[in-house]
Protein backbone atom coordinates (compact mmCIF):
# COMPACT_ATOMS: atom_id res chain seq x y z
CA UNK A 1 0.00 0.00 0.00
CA UNK A 2 1.36 3.41 -0.91
CA UNK A 3 0.96 6.19 1.61
CA UNK A 4 1.37 9.59 -0.03
CA UNK A 5 1.06 11.83 3.05
CA UNK A 6 4.28 10.50 4.68
CA UNK A 7 6.14 10.98 1.38
CA UNK A 8 4.87 14.53 1.10
CA UNK A 9 6.04 15.09 4.67
CA UNK A 10 9.52 13.73 3.86
CA UNK A 11 9.78 15.96 0.79
CA UNK A 12 8.70 18.98 2.86
CA UNK A 13 11.28 18.22 5.57
CA UNK A 14 13.97 17.81 2.89
CA UNK A 15 13.20 21.18 1.31
CA UNK A 16 12.35 23.13 4.45
CA UNK A 17 14.50 21.37 7.03
CA UNK A 18 13.15 20.39 10.42
CA UNK A 19 10.75 23.27 10.32
CA UNK A 20 8.33 24.25 13.03
CA UNK A 21 5.92 25.22 10.26
CA UNK A 22 2.49 24.27 11.62
CA UNK A 23 1.41 23.07 8.17
CA UNK A 24 4.02 20.31 8.34
CA UNK A 25 2.81 19.26 11.78
CA UNK A 26 -0.81 19.27 10.59
CA UNK A 27 0.06 16.99 7.65
CA UNK A 28 1.91 14.65 9.98
CA UNK A 29 -0.96 14.61 12.50
CA UNK A 30 -3.57 14.00 9.77
CA UNK A 31 -1.54 11.06 8.48
CA UNK A 32 -1.21 9.64 12.01
CA UNK A 33 -4.95 9.99 12.67
CA UNK A 34 -5.78 8.11 9.46
CA UNK A 35 -3.24 5.44 10.37
CA UNK A 36 -4.88 5.04 13.79
CA UNK A 37 -8.33 4.59 12.23
CA UNK A 38 -7.00 2.16 9.63
CA UNK A 39 -5.33 0.19 12.42
CA UNK A 40 -8.70 -0.06 14.18
CA UNK A 41 -10.28 -1.64 11.09
CA UNK A 42 -7.34 -3.88 10.19
CA UNK A 43 -6.92 -5.22 13.72
CA UNK A 44 -10.69 -5.80 13.98
CA UNK A 45 -10.55 -7.87 10.78
CA UNK A 46 -7.59 -9.78 12.21
CA UNK A 47 -9.42 -10.16 15.54
CA UNK A 48 -6.34 -8.83 17.26
CA UNK A 49 -8.23 -7.44 20.24
CA UNK A 50 -5.10 -6.13 21.97
CA UNK A 51 -4.35 -4.16 18.78
CA UNK A 52 -7.91 -2.82 18.69
CA UNK A 53 -7.78 -1.86 22.36
CA UNK A 54 -4.48 -0.02 21.76
CA UNK A 55 -6.09 2.53 19.40
CA UNK A 56 -8.87 3.38 21.86
CA UNK A 57 -8.61 5.72 24.84
CA UNK A 58 -9.39 4.09 28.17
CA UNK A 59 -12.98 5.35 27.91
CA UNK A 60 -14.82 5.92 24.64
CA UNK A 61 -18.09 7.66 23.88
CA UNK A 62 -19.43 4.80 21.78
CA UNK A 63 -22.38 5.25 19.40
CA UNK A 64 -23.72 2.44 17.23
CA UNK A 65 -27.32 3.53 17.78
CA UNK A 66 -28.03 3.70 14.05
CA UNK A 67 -27.81 -0.12 14.09
CA UNK A 68 -28.82 -1.12 17.61
CA UNK A 69 -31.00 1.76 18.81
CA UNK A 70 -30.64 3.07 22.35
CA UNK A 71 -28.36 5.89 23.40
CA UNK A 72 -24.62 6.50 22.99
CA UNK A 73 -22.70 5.26 26.01
CA UNK A 74 -19.34 5.77 27.65
CA UNK A 75 -17.60 2.41 27.52
CA UNK A 76 -14.20 1.15 28.50
CA UNK A 77 -11.98 0.03 25.64
CA UNK A 78 -11.97 -3.44 27.23
CA UNK A 79 -15.78 -3.63 27.17
CA UNK A 80 -15.80 -2.63 23.48
CA UNK A 81 -13.31 -5.30 22.44
CA UNK A 82 -15.03 -7.92 24.61
CA UNK A 83 -18.39 -7.15 22.95
CA UNK A 84 -16.85 -7.25 19.46
CA UNK A 85 -15.02 -10.49 20.22
CA UNK A 86 -18.25 -12.10 21.42
CA UNK A 87 -20.43 -10.67 18.63
CA UNK A 88 -18.04 -11.47 15.77
CA UNK A 89 -16.68 -14.80 17.05
CA UNK A 90 -18.93 -17.02 14.93
CA UNK A 91 -18.05 -15.30 11.63
CA UNK A 92 -15.59 -16.99 9.29
CA UNK A 93 -14.20 -13.67 8.01
CA UNK A 94 -14.51 -9.90 8.42
CA UNK A 95 -13.52 -7.14 6.03
CA UNK A 96 -13.63 -3.40 6.68
CA UNK A 97 -12.90 -0.84 3.98
CA UNK A 98 -12.70 2.88 4.72
CA UNK A 99 -12.04 5.96 2.64
CA UNK A 100 -12.91 9.55 1.82
CA UNK A 101 -11.22 10.73 5.00
CA UNK A 102 -11.72 14.27 6.24
CA UNK A 103 -9.49 15.08 9.21
CA UNK A 104 -9.43 18.32 11.19
CA UNK A 105 -6.60 18.87 13.67
CA UNK A 106 -6.93 21.27 16.59
CA UNK A 107 -3.78 21.01 18.69
CA UNK A 108 -3.82 17.67 20.48
CA UNK A 109 -7.37 16.85 19.37
CA UNK A 110 -8.73 15.69 16.03
CA UNK A 111 -12.06 15.07 14.40
CA UNK A 112 -12.21 12.56 11.58
CA UNK A 113 -14.90 11.44 9.17
CA UNK A 114 -14.81 8.57 6.70
CA UNK A 115 -17.05 6.30 4.70
CA UNK A 116 -16.97 2.66 5.70
CA UNK A 117 -18.08 -0.74 4.53
CA UNK A 118 -17.98 -3.85 6.69
CA UNK A 119 -18.56 -7.28 5.21
CA UNK A 120 -19.26 -10.28 7.45
CA UNK A 121 -18.86 -13.77 5.96
CA UNK A 122 -20.24 -17.02 7.33
CA UNK A 123 -20.93 -20.01 5.06
CA UNK A 124 -24.39 -21.38 5.84
CA UNK A 125 -27.01 -23.86 4.59
CA UNK A 126 -29.08 -21.09 3.00
CA UNK A 127 -26.08 -20.02 0.90
CA UNK A 128 -26.68 -16.45 2.02
CA UNK A 129 -23.14 -16.12 3.30
CA UNK A 130 -22.59 -12.37 3.63
CA UNK A 131 -23.94 -9.33 5.40
CA UNK A 132 -22.72 -5.89 4.35
CA UNK A 133 -22.96 -2.72 6.42
CA UNK A 134 -22.53 0.57 4.53
CA UNK A 135 -22.27 3.89 6.31
CA UNK A 136 -19.99 6.55 7.69
CA UNK A 137 -17.94 7.06 10.81
CA UNK A 138 -17.26 10.10 12.95
CA UNK A 139 -14.31 9.89 15.32
CA UNK A 140 -12.76 12.16 17.87
CA UNK A 141 -9.17 11.46 18.84
CA UNK A 142 -6.83 12.87 21.45
CA UNK A 143 -3.06 12.86 21.22
CA UNK A 144 -1.31 11.54 24.31
CA UNK A 145 2.40 10.76 24.49
CA UNK A 146 2.78 11.15 20.70
CA UNK A 147 -0.01 8.63 19.98
CA UNK A 148 -3.52 9.35 18.76
CA UNK A 149 -6.29 7.51 20.63
CA UNK A 150 -9.96 7.27 19.67
CA UNK A 151 -12.16 8.64 22.45
CA UNK A 152 -15.37 9.06 20.42
CA UNK A 153 -16.69 6.52 17.92
CA UNK A 154 -19.91 6.95 15.96
CA UNK A 155 -21.17 4.79 13.12
CA UNK A 156 -24.04 6.09 10.99
CA UNK A 157 -25.67 3.28 9.02
CA UNK A 158 -26.84 4.04 5.48
CA UNK A 159 -28.02 0.51 4.75
CA UNK A 160 -27.49 -3.20 5.39
CA UNK A 161 -27.47 -5.63 2.48
CA UNK A 162 -27.42 -9.41 2.43
CA UNK A 163 -28.26 -11.83 5.20
CA UNK A 164 -29.27 -9.71 8.19
CA UNK A 165 -29.54 -12.86 10.36
CA UNK A 166 -26.08 -14.15 9.42
CA UNK A 167 -24.61 -14.73 12.88
CA UNK A 168 -25.37 -18.22 14.17
CA UNK A 169 -26.20 -19.78 10.78
CA UNK A 170 -22.98 -21.73 10.21
CA UNK A 171 -23.04 -24.87 8.06
């Protein structure tokens, strides 16, 4: 995978030296925020729950109400990964794809938006093996000790396609 933002940053440092130009820092921070969000999705697909937990702050304002109803809730990162582990355990495969990032940096805080698709795969007797969630994400991140951590997570569902009852239908 080619990452252009880090290359742009390297070119800027080469031409401008180790500048304190805030534009350079903003580019670097935007790249790091996107990397943090991508890590969330990649580690979820890999079911590396320690890796998922590492991108979250200790407590997260968690909002999946567009799927599950209810109200947003403050949750510990451990409770989030435990719920995902339990809820996704029966699936044979997961795949998240994200893009169209918009990142705003304000000092040691960031807001990020992206589109997202999540595909769940579980072979079953009905041969309706996939469920696809399409929507967008809003994140808030805080920078602590040179690392960006997600402290607000919101998924806004546009639609679900495929087998909505996929979990628990294994062959």
